[in-house]
N, C-alpha and C. Protein backbone atom coordinates (compact mmCIF):
# COMPACT_ATOMS: atom_id res chain seq x y z
N MET A 1 25.02 -3.55 -8.01
CA MET A 1 24.40 -3.57 -7.20
C MET A 1 23.01 -3.53 -7.27
N LYS A 2 22.17 -4.54 -8.44
CA LYS A 2 20.93 -4.07 -8.82
C LYS A 2 19.95 -5.20 -7.93
N TYR A 3 19.86 -4.81 -6.76
CA TYR A 3 19.23 -5.82 -5.81
C TYR A 3 17.96 -4.79 -5.19
N SER A 4 16.73 -4.26 -5.36
CA SER A 4 15.84 -3.71 -5.21
C SER A 4 14.63 -4.18 -5.55
N ASN A 5 13.83 -4.08 -4.50
CA ASN A 5 12.33 -4.79 -4.69
C ASN A 5 11.22 -3.68 -4.95
N PRO A 6 10.72 -3.57 -5.86
CA PRO A 6 9.76 -2.74 -5.99
C PRO A 6 8.41 -3.26 -6.04
N LEU A 7 8.39 -4.61 -5.91
CA LEU A 7 7.17 -5.45 -5.37
C LEU A 7 6.90 -4.95 -3.95
N SER A 8 7.87 -5.07 -3.17
CA SER A 8 7.33 -4.31 -1.80
C SER A 8 6.72 -2.95 -1.88
N SER A 9 7.24 -2.75 -2.73
CA SER A 9 6.81 -0.71 -2.58
C SER A 9 5.29 -1.09 -3.19
N LEU A 10 4.95 -1.63 -4.12
CA LEU A 10 3.94 -2.13 -4.65
C LEU A 10 2.84 -2.28 -3.47
N LEU A 11 3.29 -3.37 -2.82
CA LEU A 11 2.77 -3.74 -1.60
C LEU A 11 1.87 -2.92 -0.64
N LEU A 12 3.01 -2.04 -0.33
CA LEU A 12 3.07 -0.73 0.63
C LEU A 12 1.77 0.05 0.09
N ALA A 13 1.84 0.17 -1.16
CA ALA A 13 0.66 1.35 -1.56
C ALA A 13 -0.84 0.78 -1.90
N SER A 14 -0.49 -0.66 -1.88
CA SER A 14 -2.18 -1.24 -1.66
C SER A 14 -2.59 -1.15 -0.45
N ALA A 15 -1.54 -1.57 0.61
CA ALA A 15 -1.72 -1.53 2.12
C ALA A 15 -2.30 -0.04 2.57
N ALA A 16 -1.97 1.01 1.99
CA ALA A 16 -2.38 2.27 2.25
C ALA A 16 -3.47 2.52 1.82
N LEU A 17 -3.66 2.31 0.71
CA LEU A 17 -4.91 2.49 0.10
C LEU A 17 -6.18 1.82 0.80
N LEU A 18 -5.67 0.80 1.38
CA LEU A 18 -6.80 -0.14 2.01
C LEU A 18 -7.27 0.65 3.01
N ALA A 19 -5.88 0.98 3.80
CA ALA A 19 -6.09 1.19 5.38
C ALA A 19 -6.88 2.70 5.24
N GLY A 20 -6.98 3.54 4.09
CA GLY A 20 -7.37 4.58 4.20
C GLY A 20 -9.11 4.55 4.39
N ALA A 21 -9.47 3.20 4.36
CA ALA A 21 -10.90 2.96 4.85
C ALA A 21 -11.71 3.84 5.81
N PRO A 22 -11.34 4.43 6.72
CA PRO A 22 -11.92 4.84 8.08
C PRO A 22 -11.79 6.54 7.72
N ALA A 23 -12.96 6.88 7.33
CA ALA A 23 -12.97 8.63 7.34
C ALA A 23 -14.44 8.79 6.65
N PHE A 24 -14.88 10.24 7.12
CA PHE A 24 -15.68 10.51 6.58
C PHE A 24 -16.31 12.13 6.55
N ALA A 25 -16.78 12.72 6.16
CA ALA A 25 -16.95 14.35 6.06
C ALA A 25 -15.79 14.99 6.21
N GLN A 26 -15.07 15.26 6.98
CA GLN A 26 -13.77 16.35 6.88
C GLN A 26 -12.72 15.21 7.29
N GLN A 27 -12.57 14.01 6.70
CA GLN A 27 -11.56 12.94 6.81
C GLN A 27 -10.75 13.27 6.14
N ALA A 28 -9.58 13.16 6.88
CA ALA A 28 -7.90 13.82 6.40
C ALA A 28 -7.18 12.54 6.74
N LEU A 29 -6.06 12.43 5.76
CA LEU A 29 -4.90 11.62 6.23
C LEU A 29 -4.01 12.71 7.15
N VAL A 30 -3.39 11.89 8.26
CA VAL A 30 -2.17 12.74 8.91
C VAL A 30 -0.71 12.18 8.25
N PRO A 31 -0.29 12.72 7.39
CA PRO A 31 0.97 11.91 6.73
C PRO A 31 2.16 11.78 7.61
N ALA A 32 2.17 12.76 8.68
CA ALA A 32 3.22 12.47 9.60
C ALA A 32 3.28 11.52 10.50
N GLN A 33 2.11 10.69 10.52
CA GLN A 33 1.45 9.57 11.29
C GLN A 33 1.74 8.68 11.11
N SER A 34 1.80 8.45 9.54
CA SER A 34 1.18 7.40 8.62
C SER A 34 2.26 6.70 8.18
N GLN A 35 2.22 5.68 7.50
CA GLN A 35 3.45 4.56 6.69
C GLN A 35 2.87 3.41 6.02
N ILE A 36 3.49 3.82 4.94
CA ILE A 36 3.57 2.35 4.00
C ILE A 36 4.94 1.65 4.05
N ALA A 37 5.01 0.46 4.53
CA ALA A 37 6.18 -0.51 4.28
C ALA A 37 5.84 -1.80 3.69
N PHE A 38 7.06 -2.33 3.27
CA PHE A 38 7.11 -3.40 2.44
C PHE A 38 8.17 -4.33 2.83
N THR A 39 7.72 -5.27 2.95
CA THR A 39 9.62 -6.40 2.96
C THR A 39 9.26 -7.60 1.94
N SER A 40 10.46 -7.47 1.19
CA SER A 40 10.52 -8.49 0.15
C SER A 40 11.84 -9.54 0.85
N LYS A 41 12.10 -10.61 0.02
CA LYS A 41 13.08 -11.42 0.20
C LYS A 41 14.03 -11.29 -0.93
N GLN A 42 15.52 -10.92 -0.56
CA GLN A 42 16.64 -11.32 -1.46
C GLN A 42 17.28 -12.26 -1.37
N MET A 43 17.45 -13.45 -2.06
CA MET A 43 18.10 -14.26 -1.65
C MET A 43 17.87 -14.96 -0.51
N GLY A 44 16.54 -14.97 0.12
CA GLY A 44 16.12 -15.61 1.45
C GLY A 44 16.04 -14.27 2.22
N VAL A 45 16.88 -13.16 2.23
CA VAL A 45 16.92 -12.30 3.36
C VAL A 45 15.90 -11.29 3.19
N PRO A 46 15.51 -10.96 4.47
CA PRO A 46 14.16 -10.06 4.25
C PRO A 46 15.05 -8.59 4.12
N VAL A 47 14.46 -7.84 3.33
CA VAL A 47 14.80 -6.19 2.93
C VAL A 47 13.33 -5.59 2.89
N GLU A 48 13.79 -4.51 3.87
CA GLU A 48 12.63 -3.62 4.16
C GLU A 48 12.95 -2.22 3.79
N GLY A 49 11.62 -1.68 3.21
CA GLY A 49 11.64 -0.63 2.36
C GLY A 49 9.87 -0.07 2.78
N GLN A 50 10.26 1.35 2.03
CA GLN A 50 8.81 2.16 2.42
C GLN A 50 8.56 2.95 1.61
N PHE A 51 7.40 3.70 0.99
CA PHE A 51 6.89 4.90 0.34
C PHE A 51 6.90 6.10 1.07
N LYS A 52 7.55 7.01 0.91
CA LYS A 52 7.69 8.23 1.58
C LYS A 52 6.51 9.32 1.26
N LYS A 53 6.08 9.06 0.00
CA LYS A 53 5.24 9.84 -0.62
C LYS A 53 3.88 8.97 -0.86
N PHE A 54 2.77 9.28 -0.12
CA PHE A 54 1.30 9.02 -0.47
C PHE A 54 0.32 9.46 0.01
N ASP A 55 -1.05 9.44 -0.59
CA ASP A 55 -2.10 9.94 -0.15
C ASP A 55 -3.59 9.30 -0.02
N ALA A 56 -4.42 9.56 0.64
CA ALA A 56 -5.65 9.05 0.74
C ALA A 56 -6.61 9.89 0.60
N GLN A 57 -7.90 9.51 -0.06
CA GLN A 57 -9.03 10.24 0.08
C GLN A 57 -9.85 9.42 0.40
N VAL A 58 -10.69 9.75 1.51
CA VAL A 58 -11.55 8.69 2.58
C VAL A 58 -13.05 9.32 2.63
N ALA A 59 -14.25 8.40 2.34
CA ALA A 59 -15.43 8.68 2.99
C ALA A 59 -15.70 7.52 3.52
N PHE A 60 -15.63 7.48 4.99
CA PHE A 60 -15.93 6.26 5.19
C PHE A 60 -16.91 6.45 6.51
N ASP A 61 -18.12 5.76 6.48
CA ASP A 61 -19.21 5.62 7.35
C ASP A 61 -19.12 4.33 8.19
N PRO A 62 -19.08 4.07 9.45
CA PRO A 62 -19.29 2.70 9.65
C PRO A 62 -20.90 2.45 9.54
N ALA A 63 -21.58 3.20 9.48
CA ALA A 63 -22.84 3.04 9.76
C ALA A 63 -23.45 2.84 8.07
N LYS A 64 -22.47 3.41 7.20
CA LYS A 64 -23.09 3.13 5.47
C LYS A 64 -21.63 2.68 4.82
N LEU A 65 -21.72 1.62 5.13
CA LEU A 65 -20.09 0.81 4.12
C LEU A 65 -20.36 1.06 3.00
N THR A 66 -21.71 0.30 2.51
CA THR A 66 -22.23 0.35 0.85
C THR A 66 -22.05 1.67 0.07
N THR A 67 -21.73 2.76 1.09
CA THR A 67 -21.20 3.82 0.22
C THR A 67 -20.19 4.66 0.75
N SER A 68 -19.16 3.92 1.41
CA SER A 68 -17.90 4.11 1.89
C SER A 68 -17.20 3.91 0.50
N ARG A 69 -15.85 5.00 0.52
CA ARG A 69 -14.99 4.71 -0.36
C ARG A 69 -13.65 5.18 0.16
N ILE A 70 -12.89 4.63 -0.46
CA ILE A 70 -11.40 4.58 -0.28
C ILE A 70 -10.57 4.76 -1.35
N SER A 71 -9.83 5.74 -1.57
CA SER A 71 -8.67 6.04 -2.52
C SER A 71 -7.62 6.04 -2.33
N LEU A 72 -6.36 5.42 -2.74
CA LEU A 72 -5.27 5.94 -2.20
C LEU A 72 -4.17 6.13 -3.54
N THR A 73 -3.52 7.06 -3.28
CA THR A 73 -2.49 7.20 -4.70
C THR A 73 -1.01 7.16 -4.00
N VAL A 74 0.01 6.50 -4.25
CA VAL A 74 1.34 6.37 -3.79
C VAL A 74 1.88 6.65 -5.16
N ASP A 75 3.08 7.41 -4.61
CA ASP A 75 4.19 7.93 -5.44
C ASP A 75 5.10 7.16 -5.69
N THR A 76 5.17 6.36 -6.89
CA THR A 76 6.18 5.22 -6.88
C THR A 76 7.82 5.66 -6.73
N GLY A 77 7.92 7.07 -7.35
CA GLY A 77 9.44 7.31 -7.19
C GLY A 77 9.49 7.70 -5.83
N SER A 78 8.93 7.65 -4.74
CA SER A 78 9.32 7.87 -3.23
C SER A 78 9.61 6.75 -2.78
N ALA A 79 10.01 5.18 -3.18
CA ALA A 79 10.25 4.30 -2.53
C ALA A 79 11.37 4.18 -2.21
N THR A 80 11.77 3.58 -0.91
CA THR A 80 12.93 3.78 -0.72
C THR A 80 13.60 2.20 0.29
N LEU A 81 14.92 1.58 -0.41
CA LEU A 81 14.88 0.58 0.76
C LEU A 81 16.18 1.17 1.67
N GLY A 82 16.32 2.23 1.46
CA GLY A 82 17.34 2.94 2.46
C GLY A 82 18.87 2.64 1.94
N VAL A 83 19.29 2.25 0.77
CA VAL A 83 20.39 1.88 -0.03
C VAL A 83 20.58 2.72 -1.24
N LYS A 84 21.54 3.67 -1.38
CA LYS A 84 21.51 4.58 -2.43
C LYS A 84 21.63 3.74 -3.71
N GLU A 85 22.49 2.54 -3.94
CA GLU A 85 22.34 1.74 -5.32
C GLU A 85 20.79 1.24 -5.39
N SER A 86 20.38 0.66 -4.66
CA SER A 86 19.15 0.15 -4.65
C SER A 86 17.81 1.29 -4.90
N ASP A 87 18.03 2.01 -4.44
CA ASP A 87 17.11 3.17 -4.67
C ASP A 87 17.30 3.85 -5.93
N ALA A 88 18.36 4.01 -6.19
CA ALA A 88 18.66 4.26 -7.83
C ALA A 88 18.13 3.34 -8.84
N GLU A 89 17.98 2.23 -8.62
CA GLU A 89 17.19 1.11 -9.46
C GLU A 89 15.57 0.93 -9.28
N LEU A 90 14.96 1.36 -8.27
CA LEU A 90 13.80 1.33 -8.02
C LEU A 90 12.73 2.01 -9.30
N PRO A 91 13.19 3.39 -9.42
CA PRO A 91 12.62 4.13 -10.61
C PRO A 91 12.42 3.59 -12.10
N LYS A 92 13.60 2.92 -12.27
CA LYS A 92 14.04 2.13 -13.74
C LYS A 92 12.82 1.04 -14.48
N ALA A 93 12.71 0.94 -15.32
CA ALA A 93 11.60 0.57 -16.05
C ALA A 93 11.54 -1.10 -15.55
N PRO A 94 12.93 -1.86 -15.35
CA PRO A 94 12.52 -3.44 -14.85
C PRO A 94 11.34 -3.15 -12.95
N TRP A 95 11.90 -2.22 -12.57
CA TRP A 95 10.78 -2.16 -10.95
C TRP A 95 9.44 -1.24 -11.37
N PHE A 96 9.90 -0.14 -11.10
CA PHE A 96 8.50 0.55 -10.93
C PHE A 96 8.35 1.71 -12.34
N ASN A 97 9.24 1.98 -13.27
CA ASN A 97 8.78 2.34 -14.23
C ASN A 97 8.84 4.31 -14.18
N VAL A 98 8.94 4.49 -12.94
CA VAL A 98 8.57 5.55 -12.56
C VAL A 98 8.23 6.86 -13.83
N PRO A 99 9.16 7.04 -14.83
CA PRO A 99 8.85 7.82 -15.83
C PRO A 99 7.30 7.60 -16.37
N LYS A 100 7.01 6.40 -16.83
CA LYS A 100 5.88 5.76 -17.38
C LYS A 100 4.79 5.75 -16.47
N PHE A 101 5.24 4.95 -15.23
CA PHE A 101 3.86 5.12 -14.48
C PHE A 101 4.29 5.78 -12.88
N PRO A 102 4.14 6.68 -12.99
CA PRO A 102 4.58 7.95 -11.56
C PRO A 102 3.94 7.06 -10.22
N GLN A 103 2.73 6.87 -10.48
CA GLN A 103 1.65 6.50 -9.06
C GLN A 103 1.18 4.92 -9.42
N ALA A 104 1.11 4.49 -7.96
CA ALA A 104 0.32 3.50 -7.98
C ALA A 104 -1.00 3.72 -6.91
N THR A 105 -2.03 3.31 -7.64
CA THR A 105 -3.32 3.52 -7.05
C THR A 105 -3.99 2.28 -6.70
N PHE A 106 -4.75 2.58 -5.31
CA PHE A 106 -5.93 1.69 -4.93
C PHE A 106 -7.29 2.41 -4.87
N GLN A 107 -8.48 1.72 -5.27
CA GLN A 107 -9.68 2.16 -5.16
C GLN A 107 -10.48 1.04 -4.67
N SER A 108 -11.40 1.34 -3.68
CA SER A 108 -11.74 0.21 -2.95
C SER A 108 -13.41 0.01 -3.67
N THR A 109 -13.87 -1.07 -3.77
CA THR A 109 -15.15 -1.30 -4.32
C THR A 109 -16.00 -2.07 -3.44
N ALA A 110 -15.63 -2.54 -2.35
CA ALA A 110 -16.73 -3.03 -0.89
C ALA A 110 -15.73 -3.02 0.33
N ILE A 111 -16.68 -2.69 1.59
CA ILE A 111 -16.13 -2.57 2.97
C ILE A 111 -16.68 -3.56 3.46
N LYS A 112 -16.34 -4.26 4.11
CA LYS A 112 -17.12 -5.53 5.14
C LYS A 112 -16.50 -5.08 6.75
N ALA A 113 -17.56 -5.13 7.32
CA ALA A 113 -17.34 -5.07 8.98
C ALA A 113 -17.13 -6.20 9.62
N LEU A 114 -16.25 -6.42 10.18
CA LEU A 114 -15.79 -7.88 10.75
C LEU A 114 -16.01 -7.98 12.11
N GLY A 115 -16.44 -6.86 12.88
CA GLY A 115 -16.56 -6.80 14.10
C GLY A 115 -15.58 -6.34 15.18
N GLY A 116 -15.66 -5.57 15.89
CA GLY A 116 -14.36 -5.17 17.14
C GLY A 116 -13.39 -4.16 16.40
N GLY A 117 -14.23 -3.36 15.46
CA GLY A 117 -13.01 -2.56 14.87
C GLY A 117 -12.09 -3.27 13.58
N LYS A 118 -12.65 -4.35 13.10
CA LYS A 118 -11.71 -5.03 12.07
C LYS A 118 -12.59 -4.45 10.75
N TYR A 119 -12.23 -4.87 9.70
CA TYR A 119 -12.90 -4.54 8.26
C TYR A 119 -12.16 -5.38 7.21
N GLU A 120 -12.89 -5.38 6.18
CA GLU A 120 -12.11 -6.26 5.24
C GLU A 120 -12.59 -5.27 3.90
N VAL A 121 -11.36 -4.57 3.12
CA VAL A 121 -11.59 -3.66 2.18
C VAL A 121 -11.10 -4.48 1.15
N ALA A 122 -12.19 -4.52 -0.02
CA ALA A 122 -11.84 -5.16 -1.14
C ALA A 122 -11.50 -4.17 -2.50
N GLY A 123 -10.51 -4.38 -3.27
CA GLY A 123 -10.68 -3.06 -4.35
C GLY A 123 -9.53 -3.66 -5.48
N LYS A 124 -9.54 -2.56 -6.05
CA LYS A 124 -8.53 -2.75 -7.19
C LYS A 124 -7.22 -1.76 -6.90
N LEU A 125 -5.88 -2.88 -7.11
CA LEU A 125 -4.92 -2.48 -6.85
C LEU A 125 -3.93 -2.05 -8.37
N ASN A 126 -3.64 -0.96 -8.66
CA ASN A 126 -3.17 -0.71 -9.95
C ASN A 126 -1.82 -0.19 -9.82
N ILE A 127 -0.63 -0.97 -10.26
CA ILE A 127 0.74 -0.65 -10.00
C ILE A 127 1.63 -0.94 -11.56
N LYS A 128 1.88 -0.12 -12.23
CA LYS A 128 2.81 0.21 -13.18
C LYS A 128 1.95 -0.55 -14.61
N GLY A 129 0.53 -0.26 -14.28
CA GLY A 129 -0.48 -0.35 -15.22
C GLY A 129 -1.18 -1.80 -15.12
N ASN A 130 -0.74 -2.45 -14.32
CA ASN A 130 -1.37 -3.60 -13.98
C ASN A 130 -2.58 -3.76 -12.62
N ALA A 131 -3.68 -3.87 -13.31
CA ALA A 131 -4.48 -3.87 -12.24
C ALA A 131 -4.96 -5.34 -11.63
N GLN A 132 -4.98 -5.84 -10.33
CA GLN A 132 -5.42 -6.55 -9.75
C GLN A 132 -6.36 -6.68 -8.76
N ASP A 133 -7.19 -7.48 -8.46
CA ASP A 133 -8.45 -7.31 -7.17
C ASP A 133 -7.38 -7.69 -5.86
N VAL A 134 -7.91 -6.97 -4.95
CA VAL A 134 -6.86 -7.51 -3.69
C VAL A 134 -8.20 -7.44 -2.54
N THR A 135 -7.94 -7.93 -1.60
CA THR A 135 -8.57 -7.67 -0.26
C THR A 135 -7.69 -7.68 1.05
N VAL A 136 -8.04 -6.51 1.56
CA VAL A 136 -7.06 -6.20 2.90
C VAL A 136 -7.81 -6.23 4.06
N PRO A 137 -7.27 -6.79 4.87
CA PRO A 137 -8.13 -6.61 6.49
C PRO A 137 -7.39 -5.29 6.98
N VAL A 138 -8.16 -4.65 7.79
CA VAL A 138 -7.68 -3.61 8.18
C VAL A 138 -8.10 -3.48 9.42
N ALA A 139 -7.38 -2.76 10.69
CA ALA A 139 -7.69 -2.87 11.89
C ALA A 139 -7.79 -1.46 12.21
N MET A 140 -8.86 -1.07 12.96
CA MET A 140 -8.95 0.59 13.12
C MET A 140 -9.31 0.65 14.89
N THR A 141 -8.50 1.67 15.27
CA THR A 141 -8.36 1.99 16.64
C THR A 141 -8.66 3.56 16.61
N GLN A 142 -9.06 3.98 18.07
CA GLN A 142 -9.40 5.34 17.95
C GLN A 142 -8.78 6.17 19.45
N SER A 143 -8.46 7.09 19.15
CA SER A 143 -7.39 7.98 20.16
C SER A 143 -7.73 9.15 20.09
N GLY A 144 -8.52 9.73 20.75
CA GLY A 144 -9.09 11.25 20.88
C GLY A 144 -9.62 11.55 19.54
N ALA A 145 -9.27 12.33 18.62
CA ALA A 145 -9.64 12.95 17.14
C ALA A 145 -9.13 12.08 16.16
N THR A 146 -8.10 11.07 16.48
CA THR A 146 -7.19 10.47 15.29
C THR A 146 -7.81 8.78 15.62
N THR A 147 -8.06 8.27 14.31
CA THR A 147 -8.52 7.12 14.07
C THR A 147 -7.33 6.43 12.76
N THR A 148 -6.71 5.16 13.58
CA THR A 148 -5.31 4.90 12.92
C THR A 148 -6.09 3.64 12.27
N ALA A 149 -5.81 3.03 11.14
CA ALA A 149 -6.05 2.14 10.43
C ALA A 149 -4.57 1.44 10.18
N THR A 150 -4.65 0.44 10.43
CA THR A 150 -3.34 -0.75 10.21
C THR A 150 -3.59 -2.29 9.83
N GLY A 151 -2.63 -2.44 9.16
CA GLY A 151 -3.12 -3.71 8.49
C GLY A 151 -1.83 -4.50 7.59
N SER A 152 -1.69 -5.38 7.04
CA SER A 152 -0.82 -5.75 6.23
C SER A 152 -1.43 -7.25 5.36
N PHE A 153 -0.97 -7.09 3.94
CA PHE A 153 -1.09 -8.51 3.11
C PHE A 153 -0.06 -8.37 2.06
N VAL A 154 -0.41 -9.62 1.51
CA VAL A 154 1.06 -10.08 0.83
C VAL A 154 0.66 -10.09 -1.01
N ILE A 155 1.43 -9.32 -1.57
CA ILE A 155 1.17 -9.49 -3.13
C ILE A 155 2.13 -10.19 -3.61
N LYS A 156 1.66 -10.33 -5.27
CA LYS A 156 2.93 -10.95 -5.72
C LYS A 156 3.28 -10.06 -6.77
N ARG A 157 4.62 -9.72 -6.84
CA ARG A 157 5.45 -8.55 -7.74
C ARG A 157 5.12 -8.80 -9.13
N LEU A 158 5.26 -9.96 -9.60
CA LEU A 158 5.26 -10.46 -10.96
C LEU A 158 3.86 -10.09 -11.71
N ALA A 159 2.87 -10.40 -10.71
CA ALA A 159 1.65 -9.85 -10.90
C ALA A 159 1.21 -8.38 -11.67
N PHE A 160 2.23 -7.38 -11.24
CA PHE A 160 2.44 -6.13 -11.36
C PHE A 160 3.44 -5.73 -12.22
N LYS A 161 4.21 -6.54 -12.78
CA LYS A 161 5.61 -6.51 -13.54
C LYS A 161 6.55 -5.88 -12.72
N ILE A 162 6.62 -6.14 -11.52
CA ILE A 162 7.62 -5.52 -10.78
C ILE A 162 8.91 -6.31 -10.64
N GLY A 163 9.95 -6.06 -11.04
CA GLY A 163 11.50 -6.66 -11.20
C GLY A 163 11.35 -7.56 -12.63
N GLU A 164 11.03 -6.77 -13.67
CA GLU A 164 10.98 -7.76 -14.77
C GLU A 164 12.61 -8.32 -15.39
N ASN A 165 12.37 -9.14 -16.48
CA ASN A 165 13.50 -9.36 -17.02
C ASN A 165 14.43 -10.36 -16.09
N GLU A 166 15.83 -10.19 -16.15
CA GLU A 166 16.75 -10.68 -15.45
C GLU A 166 15.70 -10.93 -13.68
N TRP A 167 15.28 -9.88 -13.43
CA TRP A 167 14.46 -9.83 -11.89
C TRP A 167 13.49 -10.68 -11.81
N ALA A 168 12.92 -10.99 -13.08
CA ALA A 168 11.66 -12.31 -12.61
C ALA A 168 12.24 -13.47 -12.13
N ASP A 169 13.44 -13.79 -12.11
CA ASP A 169 13.87 -14.77 -11.05
C ASP A 169 13.79 -14.84 -9.89
N THR A 170 12.72 -15.59 -9.62
CA THR A 170 12.23 -15.72 -7.87
C THR A 170 13.15 -16.15 -7.17
N SER A 171 14.35 -16.81 -7.60
CA SER A 171 15.46 -17.57 -6.23
C SER A 171 16.55 -15.92 -6.10
N MET A 172 16.25 -15.09 -6.87
CA MET A 172 16.92 -14.14 -6.50
C MET A 172 16.34 -12.98 -5.48
N VAL A 173 14.73 -12.58 -5.97
CA VAL A 173 13.91 -11.81 -5.25
C VAL A 173 12.72 -12.46 -5.06
N ALA A 174 12.07 -12.83 -4.28
CA ALA A 174 10.97 -13.75 -3.83
C ALA A 174 9.67 -12.93 -4.60
N ASP A 175 8.60 -13.51 -5.00
CA ASP A 175 7.73 -13.06 -5.57
C ASP A 175 6.50 -12.63 -4.59
N ASP A 176 6.49 -12.94 -3.52
CA ASP A 176 5.83 -12.37 -2.41
C ASP A 176 6.51 -11.13 -1.88
N VAL A 177 5.63 -10.33 -1.69
CA VAL A 177 5.83 -9.00 -0.83
C VAL A 177 4.85 -8.60 0.11
N GLN A 178 5.51 -8.32 1.27
CA GLN A 178 4.48 -8.35 2.27
C GLN A 178 4.32 -6.80 2.34
N VAL A 179 3.24 -6.41 2.49
CA VAL A 179 2.86 -4.76 2.66
C VAL A 179 2.40 -4.58 3.88
N ARG A 180 2.86 -3.29 4.65
CA ARG A 180 2.34 -2.90 5.79
C ARG A 180 1.77 -1.48 6.22
N PHE A 181 0.77 -1.41 6.70
CA PHE A 181 0.47 0.25 6.46
C PHE A 181 -0.04 0.54 8.03
N LYS A 182 0.01 2.17 8.35
CA LYS A 182 -0.36 2.59 9.21
C LYS A 182 -0.82 4.01 8.88
N LEU A 183 -2.17 4.33 8.63
CA LEU A 183 -2.72 5.53 8.41
C LEU A 183 -3.64 5.83 9.25
N ALA A 184 -2.92 7.24 9.69
CA ALA A 184 -3.91 8.03 10.77
C ALA A 184 -4.60 9.09 10.02
N LEU A 185 -5.83 9.01 10.53
CA LEU A 185 -6.97 9.65 9.99
C LEU A 185 -7.38 10.77 11.22
N THR A 186 -8.21 11.76 10.64
CA THR A 186 -8.99 12.88 11.46
C THR A 186 -10.23 12.93 10.42
N GLY A 187 -11.11 12.98 11.56
CA GLY A 187 -12.93 13.04 10.86
C GLY A 187 -13.50 11.71 11.03
N VAL A 188 -12.98 10.90 11.28
CA VAL A 188 -13.62 9.53 11.29
C VAL A 188 -14.79 9.39 12.39
N GLY A 189 -16.17 9.00 12.28
CA GLY A 189 -16.84 8.78 13.35
C GLY A 189 -16.62 7.43 13.84
N LYS A 190 -17.32 7.28 15.24
CA LYS A 190 -16.94 6.00 16.07
C LYS A 190 -16.91 4.99 15.34
N VAL A 191 -16.09 3.79 15.55
CA VAL A 191 -15.97 2.73 14.64
C VAL A 191 -16.49 1.61 15.85
């Protein structure tokens, strides 16, 4: 049973990085209220997964977007599809190759305000040693001291060499992986 989708995990990592955009001063990620999830299709059937371990370093000031920065690190070994056999495959070389590439990263290069608590975060997503430019839409809402950044975007798993060799066949595992994120942050100013 080799039907795992590391591309989805990669997408989640990217999303989490981009979502980390809102925060400055003593800004911090609240892991218990945050999530990076992904959906891929295997033989046309949606397969859901998530990354259980990730962190974000955020310096976000809505009044100073040119100096705001978001950095996300995702533990690729924490990817899970919730199926023991698939989860055993994800760390292997054809998928995430965790021994050689234990982390996926996102580093913002520009943040653009779109109005109404919506932002566009551009940056470099690096998975399995392959860096790609990505632009991620982020919606931010605030409730009390917590700012929640949410969004989703699609990555091409083969651009990151996720699912190599026999898994490069997109009729088995689709190339597109949707990454969804919800990042809860503290210390963010009014957006």
